[in-house]
Amino acid sequence: MKIAVPLVLVSLVFIGSITSNRVTPLIFGYPPFFAWHVFSVFLLAGGMWLIFRMDPQNHVKRTDRDKDKRQ
């Protein structure tokens, strides 16, 4: 399961490349192929951020010693 989500996100880049490989219509002035790749960069970054936030190993448990160090 840990590897399934990144594989799905990366496969979306390739599937979108195949389906958007044309010249018209323009999206914000760019061909769909280029616009898809720009969108996929943000999609991958957001997906990886969500994976990072949902991973229980990345949660820091604060103790009383940590509170004393901050003061």
N, C-alpha and C. Protein backbone atom coordinates (compact mmCIF):
# COMPACT_ATOMS: atom_id res chain seq x y z
N MET A 1 0.82 -1.20 0.00
CA MET A 1 0.00 0.00 0.00
C MET A 1 0.86 1.26 0.00
N LYS A 2 2.03 1.18 0.67
CA LYS A 2 2.88 2.37 0.74
C LYS A 2 3.38 2.78 -0.63
N ILE A 3 3.62 1.82 -1.50
CA ILE A 3 4.17 2.13 -2.81
C ILE A 3 3.07 2.35 -3.85
N ALA A 4 1.86 1.97 -3.56
CA ALA A 4 0.78 2.06 -4.54
C ALA A 4 0.42 3.51 -4.87
N VAL A 5 0.36 4.37 -3.88
CA VAL A 5 -0.06 5.75 -4.11
C VAL A 5 0.97 6.50 -4.96
N PRO A 6 2.28 6.43 -4.67
CA PRO A 6 3.22 7.11 -5.56
C PRO A 6 3.22 6.53 -6.98
N LEU A 7 3.00 5.24 -7.12
CA LEU A 7 2.94 4.65 -8.46
C LEU A 7 1.73 5.17 -9.24
N VAL A 8 0.62 5.34 -8.55
CA VAL A 8 -0.57 5.89 -9.21
C VAL A 8 -0.31 7.33 -9.64
N LEU A 9 0.32 8.12 -8.77
CA LEU A 9 0.60 9.51 -9.11
C LEU A 9 1.54 9.62 -10.30
N VAL A 10 2.58 8.80 -10.33
CA VAL A 10 3.52 8.84 -11.45
C VAL A 10 2.88 8.31 -12.72
N SER A 11 2.04 7.29 -12.60
CA SER A 11 1.38 6.76 -13.80
C SER A 11 0.42 7.79 -14.40
N LEU A 12 -0.15 8.67 -13.57
CA LEU A 12 -1.00 9.73 -14.09
C LEU A 12 -0.24 10.68 -15.01
N VAL A 13 1.04 10.89 -14.72
CA VAL A 13 1.86 11.75 -15.58
C VAL A 13 1.95 11.14 -16.98
N PHE A 14 2.21 9.84 -17.05
CA PHE A 14 2.36 9.19 -18.34
C PHE A 14 1.03 9.06 -19.07
N ILE A 15 -0.02 8.73 -18.36
CA ILE A 15 -1.34 8.62 -18.99
C ILE A 15 -1.80 9.98 -19.51
N GLY A 16 -1.57 11.02 -18.73
CA GLY A 16 -1.93 12.36 -19.18
C GLY A 16 -1.11 12.80 -20.37
N SER A 17 0.14 12.38 -20.43
CA SER A 17 0.98 12.73 -21.58
C SER A 17 0.45 12.10 -22.86
N ILE A 18 0.00 10.88 -22.76
CA ILE A 18 -0.52 10.18 -23.94
C ILE A 18 -1.84 10.80 -24.39
N THR A 19 -2.71 11.10 -23.45
CA THR A 19 -4.04 11.61 -23.81
C THR A 19 -4.02 13.08 -24.21
N SER A 20 -3.04 13.84 -23.76
CA SER A 20 -3.02 15.27 -24.07
C SER A 20 -2.00 15.63 -25.15
N ASN A 21 -1.57 14.68 -25.92
CA ASN A 21 -0.55 14.91 -26.94
C ASN A 21 -1.17 15.46 -28.22
N ARG A 22 -1.51 16.75 -28.19
CA ARG A 22 -2.04 17.45 -29.36
C ARG A 22 -1.66 18.92 -29.25
N VAL A 23 -1.98 19.69 -30.24
CA VAL A 23 -1.56 21.09 -30.28
C VAL A 23 -2.67 22.03 -29.85
N THR A 24 -3.89 21.74 -30.21
CA THR A 24 -5.01 22.62 -29.86
C THR A 24 -6.01 21.85 -29.04
N PRO A 25 -6.84 22.41 -28.24
CA PRO A 25 -6.99 23.82 -27.89
C PRO A 25 -5.92 24.23 -26.88
N LEU A 26 -5.61 25.50 -26.85
CA LEU A 26 -4.60 26.01 -25.93
C LEU A 26 -5.19 26.16 -24.52
N ILE A 27 -4.40 25.83 -23.53
CA ILE A 27 -4.80 25.97 -22.13
C ILE A 27 -3.89 27.02 -21.52
N PHE A 28 -4.44 28.18 -21.18
CA PHE A 28 -3.67 29.32 -20.68
C PHE A 28 -2.54 29.68 -21.65
N GLY A 29 -2.77 29.48 -22.92
CA GLY A 29 -1.79 29.85 -23.93
C GLY A 29 -0.77 28.76 -24.24
N TYR A 30 -0.87 27.62 -23.60
CA TYR A 30 0.08 26.54 -23.82
C TYR A 30 -0.62 25.32 -24.40
N PRO A 31 0.11 24.51 -25.14
CA PRO A 31 -0.48 23.27 -25.64
C PRO A 31 -0.85 22.34 -24.47
N PRO A 32 -1.83 21.48 -24.65
CA PRO A 32 -2.26 20.60 -23.56
C PRO A 32 -1.14 19.73 -22.99
N PHE A 33 -0.21 19.31 -23.83
CA PHE A 33 0.89 18.47 -23.35
C PHE A 33 1.72 19.20 -22.30
N PHE A 34 2.09 20.45 -22.59
CA PHE A 34 2.88 21.23 -21.65
C PHE A 34 2.06 21.59 -20.41
N ALA A 35 0.80 21.97 -20.61
CA ALA A 35 -0.06 22.34 -19.48
C ALA A 35 -0.26 21.14 -18.55
N TRP A 36 -0.38 19.94 -19.12
CA TRP A 36 -0.53 18.74 -18.28
C TRP A 36 0.71 18.50 -17.44
N HIS A 37 1.88 18.70 -18.01
CA HIS A 37 3.11 18.47 -17.25
C HIS A 37 3.27 19.49 -16.13
N VAL A 38 2.90 20.72 -16.37
CA VAL A 38 2.93 21.72 -15.30
C VAL A 38 1.95 21.34 -14.19
N PHE A 39 0.74 20.94 -14.58
CA PHE A 39 -0.26 20.51 -13.60
C PHE A 39 0.22 19.27 -12.84
N SER A 40 0.88 18.34 -13.52
CA SER A 40 1.30 17.11 -12.87
C SER A 40 2.40 17.35 -11.84
N VAL A 41 3.21 18.39 -12.03
CA VAL A 41 4.22 18.73 -11.02
C VAL A 41 3.54 19.11 -9.72
N PHE A 42 2.50 19.94 -9.81
CA PHE A 42 1.76 20.32 -8.60
C PHE A 42 0.97 19.14 -8.03
N LEU A 43 0.46 18.29 -8.89
CA LEU A 43 -0.27 17.11 -8.44
C LEU A 43 0.65 16.16 -7.67
N LEU A 44 1.84 15.91 -8.20
CA LEU A 44 2.80 15.04 -7.52
C LEU A 44 3.26 15.64 -6.20
N ALA A 45 3.54 16.93 -6.18
CA ALA A 45 3.98 17.58 -4.95
C ALA A 45 2.89 17.51 -3.88
N GLY A 46 1.66 17.77 -4.26
CA GLY A 46 0.55 17.68 -3.30
C GLY A 46 0.32 16.26 -2.81
N GLY A 47 0.42 15.31 -3.71
CA GLY A 47 0.25 13.90 -3.31
C GLY A 47 1.33 13.43 -2.37
N MET A 48 2.57 13.81 -2.65
CA MET A 48 3.67 13.41 -1.76
C MET A 48 3.57 14.10 -0.41
N TRP A 49 3.09 15.35 -0.41
CA TRP A 49 2.89 16.05 0.86
C TRP A 49 1.83 15.34 1.70
N LEU A 50 0.74 14.91 1.05
CA LEU A 50 -0.30 14.18 1.78
C LEU A 50 0.22 12.86 2.32
N ILE A 51 1.00 12.16 1.54
CA ILE A 51 1.59 10.90 2.01
C ILE A 51 2.48 11.16 3.22
N PHE A 52 3.28 12.21 3.16
CA PHE A 52 4.16 12.56 4.26
C PHE A 52 3.36 12.88 5.52
N ARG A 53 2.28 13.64 5.36
CA ARG A 53 1.46 14.03 6.52
C ARG A 53 0.71 12.84 7.12
N MET A 54 0.34 11.87 6.31
CA MET A 54 -0.44 10.73 6.80
C MET A 54 0.44 9.63 7.39
N ASP A 55 1.75 9.68 7.17
CA ASP A 55 2.64 8.65 7.67
C ASP A 55 2.81 8.80 9.18
N PRO A 56 2.51 7.76 9.96
CA PRO A 56 2.60 7.88 11.42
C PRO A 56 4.03 8.07 11.92
N GLN A 57 5.03 7.68 11.16
CA GLN A 57 6.41 7.86 11.60
C GLN A 57 6.84 9.32 11.59
N ASN A 58 6.11 10.17 10.89
CA ASN A 58 6.48 11.57 10.81
C ASN A 58 5.84 12.42 11.90
N HIS A 59 5.04 11.81 12.75
CA HIS A 59 4.42 12.56 13.84
C HIS A 59 5.38 12.59 15.02
N VAL A 60 5.65 13.79 15.51
CA VAL A 60 6.56 13.96 16.62
C VAL A 60 5.74 14.05 17.90
N LYS A 61 6.08 13.21 18.86
CA LYS A 61 5.40 13.28 20.16
C LYS A 61 6.23 14.18 21.06
N ARG A 62 5.58 15.19 21.59
CA ARG A 62 6.27 16.13 22.46
C ARG A 62 6.26 15.61 23.90
N THR A 63 7.38 15.73 24.54
CA THR A 63 7.50 15.31 25.93
C THR A 63 7.76 16.55 26.79
N ASP A 64 7.82 16.35 28.09
CA ASP A 64 8.09 17.46 28.99
C ASP A 64 9.50 18.02 28.77
N ARG A 65 10.45 17.15 28.41
CA ARG A 65 11.82 17.60 28.16
C ARG A 65 11.88 18.53 26.94
N ASP A 66 11.07 18.22 25.92
CA ASP A 66 11.04 19.07 24.74
C ASP A 66 10.49 20.46 25.07
N LYS A 67 9.52 20.51 25.96
CA LYS A 67 8.95 21.79 26.35
C LYS A 67 9.98 22.62 27.11
N ASP A 68 10.79 21.97 27.96
CA ASP A 68 11.81 22.69 28.71
C ASP A 68 12.90 23.24 27.79
N LYS A 69 13.23 22.52 26.73
CA LYS A 69 14.27 22.97 25.80
C LYS A 69 13.82 24.21 25.03
N ARG A 70 12.53 24.31 24.73
CA ARG A 70 12.04 25.45 23.96
C ARG A 70 12.02 26.72 24.79
N GLN A 71 11.91 26.62 26.10
CA GLN A 71 11.79 27.81 26.95
C GLN A 71 13.10 28.38 27.29
